[in-house]
Amino acid sequence: MKKKLLNKISILALLACLFLQSPAQTGFRFRAELDSIPQPGFYTISLGPSLTARLQPGLQDIRIVDMEGRQVPYIIKNEVPVSTTIDLDKLRIVSNKKEADGLTHVVIENTTTHALNQLLLVIKNTEAHRTVTLSGSDNDSNWYVIKENIPLNAAFTEEGDKYTLSLDFPESRYRYFKVSINGKDLLPVNIVAAGTYEQSNTSGKYMRLPAPQLLDKEGKDKCSYVFLRFGDDYFIDRLVLQVTGPKFYKRKMIIDTGSIGSAQQVGEYILQSDTPVVIEPGVKTNHLLLKIQNEDNPPLQVVAANAYQLNKYLYTYLDKGKQYSLVFGDSAATAPVYDLQYFKDSIGNALLPLAYGKIVLNKPAVTEQPVTPKANKALLWLALGTVLVILLLLTAKMTREINKRNP
């Protein structure tokens, strides 16, 4: 009986020690020192594939810390494959006045060289309901109706004290367009600008990943299987394949992660002889499985594969002369919440680039929420008190059992 009691005491003491040690442990397994800070200001830190491979897919397990282990707020910036920007390409407003018919007329000159089927009107905020008539002219004198009774309803989210309204109409090649605000002697809405859409597309910036190993295999199901094995758990945002086969082909290809027996589908794609094979899987993994459906055709071969990661950045404000580090790689970490996210529009684009050094194991460990000495002491007393109570209960139980056996 005494031996059993001693065993229980030993187990409880061990659990207490583990309990006391757990708050001081950290999940951030890696560290990289940032370069010196030449001047105070906002910096951009580009995260390379060797670093992001050690992060969770949402990048929530990375921190910037100073020499004392205090966190420094940052904002994550991710490139996108294609970003579309829509701006207002302004047209000249020739006149904007009330005329003899009691209506307000806004004359807009088509300074473009092509026909229009849409006008954008920038209007000061109003809750009034109006309709307009759109007419066209080649000489600003003889006018011809294009569309009548067009309601002036806000078409876009309001920003500031203005909103943008889109007028759609049959394609017209007039030199001048007139917007007549209906309602004799009614106060007009305030049209402050006019124009057309100007859309621009910008391709995202990528980093090339180390080339994967290729292994192909012909299946009995009229399919070719190509395994891509990467050296680490990379973000694979773009995949460019070099495919050889017959002069003309059009085949279905399925991309999976995992092995043939336990695959998880990423997407379906078409391989075509006259089209470059550029795919955007958007996954984080160290291997891909390509399944090409050949049917009764000669099999295709993937002879080369290049993979790329979309650039990922940290935006942060750093002080001159201080030393900072990146700590990262915690599978249990959640995303931090910083006030800086509410001021991202105030940062601007003039950020200084900042690099980091070699990735090493994080020693000594940096805790996400350091435990103070006072908290350690409280935990110690709590653990010892818990052990003491349990020992007293076990001792009382053992005493009762002995008394029963020896009346």
Protein backbone atom coordinates (compact mmCIF):
# COMPACT_ATOMS: atom_id res chain seq x y z
CA MET A 1 0.00 0.00 0.00
CA LYS A 2 2.83 2.40 0.88
CA LYS A 3 4.52 1.62 -2.43
CA LYS A 4 1.34 2.50 -4.36
CA LEU A 5 1.04 5.76 -2.43
CA LEU A 6 4.63 6.70 -3.24
CA ASN A 7 4.03 5.98 -6.94
CA LYS A 8 0.99 8.24 -6.93
CA ILE A 9 2.96 11.00 -5.20
CA SER A 10 5.73 10.74 -7.80
CA ILE A 11 3.27 10.98 -10.68
CA LEU A 12 1.58 14.02 -9.13
CA ALA A 13 4.91 15.76 -8.57
CA LEU A 14 5.92 15.13 -12.19
CA LEU A 15 2.63 16.55 -13.47
CA ALA A 16 3.09 19.62 -11.28
CA CYS A 17 6.55 20.24 -12.75
CA LEU A 18 5.23 19.91 -16.28
CA PHE A 19 2.40 22.28 -15.47
CA LEU A 20 4.79 24.90 -14.15
CA GLN A 21 7.08 24.61 -17.15
CA SER A 22 4.37 24.79 -19.85
CA PRO A 23 3.72 28.58 -19.75
CA ALA A 24 7.40 29.28 -20.46
CA GLN A 25 7.52 27.10 -23.55
CA THR A 26 7.15 28.64 -26.99
CA GLY A 27 5.88 27.39 -30.33
CA PHE A 28 8.02 29.74 -32.43
CA ARG A 29 10.66 27.30 -33.62
CA PHE A 30 12.69 29.56 -35.91
CA ARG A 31 14.35 32.97 -35.86
CA ALA A 32 15.92 35.30 -38.42
CA GLU A 33 17.65 38.57 -37.55
CA LEU A 34 16.59 41.67 -39.48
CA ASP A 35 19.22 43.94 -40.99
CA SER A 36 20.18 47.12 -39.15
CA ILE A 37 17.74 50.06 -39.33
CA PRO A 38 19.41 53.06 -41.04
CA GLN A 39 16.58 55.50 -40.27
CA PRO A 40 13.18 55.46 -38.55
CA GLY A 41 10.23 54.79 -40.82
CA PHE A 42 8.05 52.19 -42.51
CA TYR A 43 9.80 49.17 -43.99
CA THR A 44 8.76 46.29 -46.22
CA ILE A 45 10.13 42.82 -45.50
CA SER A 46 9.85 40.37 -48.40
CA LEU A 47 9.27 36.81 -47.16
CA GLY A 48 11.17 34.25 -49.23
CA PRO A 49 10.09 30.65 -49.89
CA SER A 50 12.52 29.17 -47.34
CA LEU A 51 10.76 31.22 -44.64
CA THR A 52 7.13 30.91 -45.76
CA ALA A 53 7.56 27.14 -46.07
CA ARG A 54 7.76 27.11 -42.26
CA LEU A 55 4.55 29.11 -41.78
CA GLN A 56 0.90 28.15 -41.58
CA PRO A 57 -1.11 28.71 -44.79
CA GLY A 58 -2.61 31.91 -43.36
CA LEU A 59 0.79 33.31 -42.26
CA GLN A 60 -0.59 33.76 -38.73
CA ASP A 61 2.50 32.37 -36.99
CA ILE A 62 5.09 35.06 -37.62
CA ARG A 63 6.07 37.93 -35.32
CA ILE A 64 8.51 40.84 -35.35
CA VAL A 65 10.16 41.24 -31.93
CA ASP A 66 12.74 43.59 -30.44
CA MET A 67 15.70 42.61 -28.23
CA GLU A 68 13.41 42.36 -25.18
CA GLY A 69 11.01 40.03 -27.00
CA ARG A 70 8.27 42.66 -27.34
CA GLN A 71 6.10 42.36 -30.43
CA VAL A 72 6.23 45.04 -33.12
CA PRO A 73 2.96 45.54 -35.08
CA TYR A 74 2.92 44.75 -38.79
CA ILE A 75 0.58 44.39 -41.75
CA ILE A 76 0.70 41.43 -44.14
CA LYS A 77 0.64 42.24 -47.86
CA ASN A 78 0.00 39.43 -50.36
CA GLU A 79 0.43 39.84 -54.09
CA VAL A 80 -2.52 38.62 -56.16
CA PRO A 81 -2.20 36.94 -59.60
CA VAL A 82 -3.91 39.85 -61.37
CA SER A 83 -5.11 43.07 -59.77
CA THR A 84 -7.67 45.16 -61.64
CA THR A 85 -7.90 48.90 -61.13
CA ILE A 86 -10.86 50.89 -62.43
CA ASP A 87 -10.40 54.65 -62.61
CA LEU A 88 -12.40 57.53 -64.01
CA ASP A 89 -11.02 58.78 -67.35
CA LYS A 90 -12.47 62.29 -67.20
CA LEU A 91 -14.26 63.99 -70.10
CA ARG A 92 -14.55 67.77 -70.42
CA ILE A 93 -17.78 69.36 -69.14
CA VAL A 94 -18.50 72.11 -71.67
CA SER A 95 -21.40 73.67 -69.75
CA ASN A 96 -23.56 73.02 -66.71
CA LYS A 97 -26.42 75.49 -66.44
CA LYS A 98 -30.16 76.08 -66.30
CA GLU A 99 -31.57 77.05 -69.71
CA ALA A 100 -34.74 78.71 -71.02
CA ASP A 101 -36.81 75.53 -70.78
CA GLY A 102 -36.38 75.54 -66.98
CA LEU A 103 -34.20 72.42 -67.00
CA THR A 104 -30.56 72.08 -66.05
CA HIS A 105 -28.43 70.75 -68.93
CA VAL A 106 -24.92 69.35 -68.59
CA VAL A 107 -23.01 69.17 -71.89
CA ILE A 108 -20.09 66.73 -72.03
CA GLU A 109 -17.56 66.54 -74.85
CA ASN A 110 -16.51 63.12 -76.08
CA THR A 111 -12.76 63.67 -76.27
CA THR A 112 -12.10 59.99 -76.98
CA THR A 113 -11.64 58.63 -80.49
CA HIS A 114 -14.25 55.88 -80.18
CA ALA A 115 -17.98 55.42 -79.72
CA LEU A 116 -19.44 55.37 -76.21
CA ASN A 117 -22.17 53.25 -74.65
CA GLN A 118 -21.65 54.39 -71.08
CA LEU A 119 -20.98 57.59 -69.15
CA LEU A 120 -19.93 57.91 -65.52
CA LEU A 121 -21.28 60.89 -63.60
CA VAL A 122 -19.72 61.93 -60.29
CA ILE A 123 -22.53 63.47 -58.22
CA LYS A 124 -22.56 65.18 -54.84
CA ASN A 125 -24.51 63.14 -52.29
CA THR A 126 -28.25 63.65 -52.39
CA GLU A 127 -31.41 61.82 -51.40
CA ALA A 128 -33.48 63.54 -54.11
CA HIS A 129 -34.97 61.43 -56.89
CA ARG A 130 -34.48 62.69 -60.42
CA THR A 131 -34.58 61.32 -63.95
CA VAL A 132 -32.51 62.51 -66.90
CA THR A 133 -32.70 62.50 -70.66
CA LEU A 134 -29.55 61.83 -72.65
CA SER A 135 -29.13 63.35 -76.11
CA GLY A 136 -26.26 63.66 -78.58
CA SER A 137 -24.91 66.19 -81.06
CA ASP A 138 -22.04 66.54 -83.49
CA ASN A 139 -21.93 70.36 -83.36
CA ASP A 140 -23.30 71.32 -79.90
CA SER A 141 -26.33 72.87 -81.65
CA ASN A 142 -28.55 70.20 -83.17
CA TRP A 143 -29.49 67.61 -80.54
CA TYR A 144 -30.98 64.13 -80.91
CA VAL A 145 -32.43 62.00 -78.15
CA ILE A 146 -30.53 58.84 -77.18
CA LYS A 147 -32.34 57.64 -74.05
CA GLU A 148 -35.12 59.05 -71.86
CA ASN A 149 -36.21 58.85 -68.22
CA ILE A 150 -32.97 57.44 -66.82
CA PRO A 151 -33.21 57.28 -62.99
CA LEU A 152 -30.34 58.81 -61.01
CA ASN A 153 -29.64 56.02 -58.53
CA ALA A 154 -26.31 55.49 -56.80
CA ALA A 155 -24.49 52.64 -58.51
CA PHE A 156 -21.37 52.39 -56.34
CA THR A 157 -20.49 52.53 -52.67
CA GLU A 158 -20.38 56.07 -51.41
CA GLU A 159 -16.97 57.51 -50.59
CA GLY A 160 -16.79 60.86 -48.91
CA ASP A 161 -19.50 63.27 -50.12
CA LYS A 162 -19.79 61.96 -53.71
CA TYR A 163 -20.96 58.86 -55.52
CA THR A 164 -20.54 57.60 -59.07
CA LEU A 165 -23.51 56.90 -61.33
CA SER A 166 -23.28 54.84 -64.51
CA LEU A 167 -25.47 55.79 -67.50
CA ASP A 168 -25.82 52.96 -70.03
CA PHE A 169 -27.18 53.68 -73.49
CA PRO A 170 -27.03 52.45 -77.13
CA GLU A 171 -23.58 52.87 -78.63
CA SER A 172 -23.20 56.41 -79.98
CA ARG A 173 -20.38 58.23 -81.76
CA TYR A 174 -21.57 61.79 -81.07
CA ARG A 175 -19.01 64.48 -80.33
CA TYR A 176 -21.19 65.93 -77.55
CA PHE A 177 -23.58 64.39 -75.02
CA LYS A 178 -26.17 66.35 -73.06
CA VAL A 179 -27.59 65.22 -69.73
CA SER A 180 -30.90 67.04 -69.17
CA ILE A 181 -32.22 66.82 -65.60
CA ASN A 182 -36.01 66.47 -65.80
CA GLY A 183 -38.37 68.53 -63.64
CA LYS A 184 -39.02 72.13 -64.61
CA ASP A 185 -37.70 74.63 -62.07
CA LEU A 186 -36.64 71.83 -59.72
CA LEU A 187 -33.23 72.12 -58.09
CA PRO A 188 -30.82 69.87 -59.99
CA VAL A 189 -28.41 67.31 -58.60
CA ASN A 190 -24.81 68.54 -58.53
CA ILE A 191 -22.82 66.79 -61.28
CA VAL A 192 -19.17 67.64 -60.57
CA ALA A 193 -17.37 65.37 -63.06
CA ALA A 194 -18.01 63.02 -65.97
CA GLY A 195 -15.99 60.38 -67.75
CA THR A 196 -15.60 56.78 -68.82
CA TYR A 197 -14.09 53.65 -67.32
CA GLU A 198 -10.33 53.29 -67.48
CA GLN A 199 -9.44 49.74 -66.52
CA SER A 200 -5.88 48.53 -66.00
CA ASN A 201 -4.65 45.06 -65.07
CA THR A 202 -1.41 44.47 -63.18
CA SER A 203 0.16 41.03 -62.93
CA GLY A 204 1.34 39.88 -59.52
CA LYS A 205 5.02 39.47 -58.70
CA TYR A 206 6.39 36.00 -58.08
CA MET A 207 9.44 34.28 -56.59
CA ARG A 208 10.69 31.14 -58.25
CA LEU A 209 10.75 28.01 -56.09
CA PRO A 210 13.47 25.36 -56.17
CA ALA A 211 12.74 22.94 -59.00
CA PRO A 212 10.79 19.81 -57.98
CA GLN A 213 11.74 16.23 -58.73
CA LEU A 214 9.65 14.64 -61.49
CA LEU A 215 8.52 11.04 -61.61
CA ASP A 216 6.07 9.81 -64.24
CA LYS A 217 4.15 6.56 -64.44
CA GLU A 218 1.73 5.09 -66.95
CA GLY A 219 -1.43 3.72 -65.38
CA LYS A 220 -3.68 0.94 -66.61
CA ASP A 221 -6.61 3.36 -66.70
CA LYS A 222 -5.37 5.19 -69.86
CA CYS A 223 -3.91 7.94 -67.68
CA SER A 224 -0.42 9.32 -67.15
CA TYR A 225 0.60 10.09 -63.58
CA VAL A 226 3.29 12.68 -62.89
CA PHE A 227 4.58 13.21 -59.33
CA LEU A 228 6.18 16.53 -58.41
CA ARG A 229 8.20 16.32 -55.20
CA PHE A 230 9.39 19.60 -53.65
CA GLY A 231 12.10 19.98 -51.06
CA ASP A 232 9.85 21.83 -48.61
CA ASP A 233 6.23 22.74 -47.89
CA TYR A 234 6.03 25.67 -50.32
CA PHE A 235 3.25 28.01 -51.38
CA ILE A 236 2.71 26.89 -55.00
CA ASP A 237 0.82 29.79 -56.57
CA ARG A 238 1.90 29.24 -60.18
CA LEU A 239 3.01 26.14 -62.05
CA VAL A 240 4.49 26.24 -65.56
CA LEU A 241 4.75 22.87 -67.30
CA GLN A 242 6.67 21.87 -70.40
CA VAL A 243 4.68 19.13 -72.12
CA THR A 244 5.64 16.97 -75.10
CA GLY A 245 3.44 14.69 -77.17
CA PRO A 246 1.68 14.51 -80.54
CA LYS A 247 1.52 17.62 -82.73
CA PHE A 248 -2.15 18.15 -81.81
CA TYR A 249 -3.70 17.25 -78.48
CA LYS A 250 -6.34 18.39 -76.02
CA ARG A 251 -6.43 16.47 -72.74
CA LYS A 252 -7.98 16.85 -69.32
CA MET A 253 -5.57 17.03 -66.39
CA ILE A 254 -6.44 16.75 -62.69
CA ILE A 255 -4.07 18.04 -60.03
CA ASP A 256 -4.15 16.46 -56.57
CA THR A 257 -2.12 16.59 -53.41
CA GLY A 258 -1.32 13.24 -51.84
CA SER A 259 -0.73 9.81 -53.28
CA ILE A 260 -2.84 7.91 -55.81
CA GLY A 261 -4.82 6.18 -53.07
CA SER A 262 -5.35 9.24 -50.82
CA ALA A 263 -5.48 12.21 -53.17
CA GLN A 264 -7.19 15.55 -52.51
CA GLN A 265 -8.17 17.37 -55.69
CA VAL A 266 -6.78 20.85 -56.32
CA GLY A 267 -8.43 21.49 -59.67
CA GLU A 268 -9.14 20.38 -63.25
CA TYR A 269 -7.32 21.88 -66.24
CA ILE A 270 -7.07 21.46 -70.00
CA LEU A 271 -3.77 20.71 -71.75
CA GLN A 272 -3.84 21.95 -75.33
CA SER A 273 -1.12 21.79 -77.96
CA ASP A 274 -1.44 25.47 -78.96
CA THR A 275 -1.61 26.90 -75.43
CA PRO A 276 1.20 27.34 -72.86
CA VAL A 277 0.59 25.37 -69.68
CA VAL A 278 0.43 28.00 -66.93
CA ILE A 279 -1.60 26.89 -63.89
CA GLU A 280 -2.38 28.60 -60.59
CA PRO A 281 -2.93 25.83 -58.00
CA GLY A 282 -2.86 28.15 -54.96
CA VAL A 283 -1.84 25.43 -52.48
CA LYS A 284 0.81 24.93 -49.80
CA THR A 285 2.38 21.51 -50.07
CA ASN A 286 5.57 19.60 -50.81
CA HIS A 287 4.12 17.37 -53.51
CA LEU A 288 1.63 17.39 -56.35
CA LEU A 289 0.13 14.58 -58.39
CA LEU A 290 -0.80 15.31 -62.01
CA LYS A 291 -3.27 12.92 -63.65
CA ILE A 292 -3.46 13.31 -67.45
CA GLN A 293 -6.35 11.52 -69.17
CA ASN A 294 -4.96 10.18 -72.46
CA GLU A 295 -7.94 8.06 -73.49
CA ASP A 296 -6.77 6.09 -76.57
CA ASN A 297 -4.11 8.63 -77.60
CA PRO A 298 -0.34 8.41 -77.24
CA PRO A 299 0.58 9.55 -73.71
CA LEU A 300 1.80 13.06 -72.97
CA GLN A 301 5.00 13.64 -71.04
CA VAL A 302 5.84 16.45 -68.61
CA VAL A 303 9.55 17.04 -69.19
CA ALA A 304 9.98 20.11 -66.97
CA ALA A 305 8.09 21.97 -64.24
CA ASN A 306 8.76 25.41 -62.75
CA ALA A 307 6.87 26.57 -59.67
CA TYR A 308 6.46 30.07 -58.24
CA GLN A 309 5.25 31.74 -55.06
CA LEU A 310 3.42 35.06 -55.08
CA ASN A 311 5.42 37.66 -53.18
CA LYS A 312 4.43 38.14 -49.55
CA TYR A 313 5.49 41.11 -47.42
CA LEU A 314 5.38 42.50 -43.92
CA TYR A 315 4.85 46.27 -43.58
CA THR A 316 6.06 47.67 -40.27
CA TYR A 317 7.43 50.79 -38.55
CA LEU A 318 10.91 50.39 -37.05
CA ASP A 319 13.17 52.71 -35.05
CA LYS A 320 16.73 53.57 -35.99
CA GLY A 321 19.49 51.81 -34.06
CA LYS A 322 17.30 49.06 -32.61
CA GLN A 323 17.76 45.38 -33.37
CA TYR A 324 14.74 43.37 -34.49
CA SER A 325 14.12 39.73 -35.32
CA LEU A 326 11.53 37.57 -37.01
CA VAL A 327 10.27 34.61 -34.99
CA PHE A 328 7.99 32.12 -36.69
CA GLY A 329 6.89 28.53 -37.19
CA ASP A 330 4.20 27.77 -34.57
CA SER A 331 1.48 25.37 -35.70
CA ALA A 332 -0.80 26.46 -32.82
CA ALA A 333 -0.41 30.24 -33.17
CA THR A 334 -3.31 32.49 -34.08
CA ALA A 335 -3.12 35.74 -36.02
CA PRO A 336 -2.17 38.77 -33.91
CA VAL A 337 -4.45 41.80 -33.74
CA TYR A 338 -2.68 45.13 -34.15
CA ASP A 339 -4.05 48.69 -34.33
CA LEU A 340 -1.85 49.25 -37.39
CA GLN A 341 -4.37 47.46 -39.59
CA TYR A 342 -6.74 50.44 -39.22
CA PHE A 343 -4.14 52.82 -40.64
CA LYS A 344 -2.89 50.85 -43.65
CA ASP A 345 -4.15 53.53 -46.03
CA SER A 346 -1.93 56.07 -44.28
CA ILE A 347 1.30 54.13 -44.79
CA GLY A 348 1.71 55.04 -48.46
CA ASN A 349 3.94 53.29 -50.99
CA ALA A 350 7.34 54.81 -50.14
CA LEU A 351 8.49 51.93 -47.92
CA LEU A 352 12.15 51.08 -47.44
CA PRO A 353 13.14 47.47 -48.22
CA LEU A 354 14.61 45.45 -45.35
CA ALA A 355 16.19 41.99 -45.54
CA TYR A 356 16.70 39.31 -42.93
CA GLY A 357 19.57 36.95 -42.26
CA LYS A 358 19.98 33.21 -41.95
CA ILE A 359 17.09 31.19 -40.55
CA VAL A 360 18.13 29.42 -37.32
CA LEU A 361 16.44 27.56 -34.49
CA ASN A 362 14.87 29.94 -31.99
CA LYS A 363 17.19 29.80 -28.96
CA PRO A 364 16.53 31.19 -26.42
CA ALA A 365 12.81 30.81 -26.95
CA VAL A 366 10.57 33.86 -27.25
CA THR A 367 7.19 33.45 -25.62
CA GLU A 368 4.13 34.94 -27.24
CA GLN A 369 2.76 36.09 -23.89
CA PRO A 370 5.61 36.14 -21.32
CA VAL A 371 4.70 34.98 -17.82
CA THR A 372 5.80 37.44 -15.13
CA PRO A 373 7.70 36.26 -11.99
CA LYS A 374 4.61 37.10 -9.91
CA ALA A 375 2.48 34.87 -12.13
CA ASN A 376 5.07 32.06 -11.85
CA LYS A 377 4.93 32.27 -8.04
CA ALA A 378 1.14 32.14 -8.04
CA LEU A 379 1.17 29.09 -10.33
CA LEU A 380 3.73 27.41 -8.08
CA TRP A 381 1.60 27.85 -4.97
CA LEU A 382 -1.51 26.72 -6.83
CA ALA A 383 0.22 23.55 -8.03
CA LEU A 384 1.71 22.75 -4.62
CA GLY A 385 -1.62 23.35 -2.92
CA THR A 386 -3.36 21.03 -5.39
CA VAL A 387 -0.76 18.29 -4.80
CA LEU A 388 -1.06 18.68 -1.01
CA VAL A 389 -4.85 18.36 -1.04
CA ILE A 390 -4.69 15.23 -3.22
CA LEU A 391 -2.02 13.68 -0.95
CA LEU A 392 -4.14 14.34 2.13
CA LEU A 393 -7.14 12.68 0.48
CA LEU A 394 -5.04 9.65 -0.51
CA THR A 395 -3.56 9.41 3.00
CA ALA A 396 -7.01 9.52 4.59
CA LYS A 397 -8.22 6.83 2.20
CA MET A 398 -5.22 4.60 2.98
CA THR A 399 -5.75 5.07 6.73
CA ARG A 400 -9.40 4.01 6.47
CA GLU A 401 -8.41 0.89 4.51
CA ILE A 402 -5.77 -0.07 7.13
CA ASN A 403 -8.26 0.41 9.98
CA LYS A 404 -10.78 -1.84 8.23
CA ARG A 405 -8.17 -4.64 7.91
CA ASN A 406 -6.96 -4.24 11.50
CA PRO A 407 -10.05 -3.65 13.68
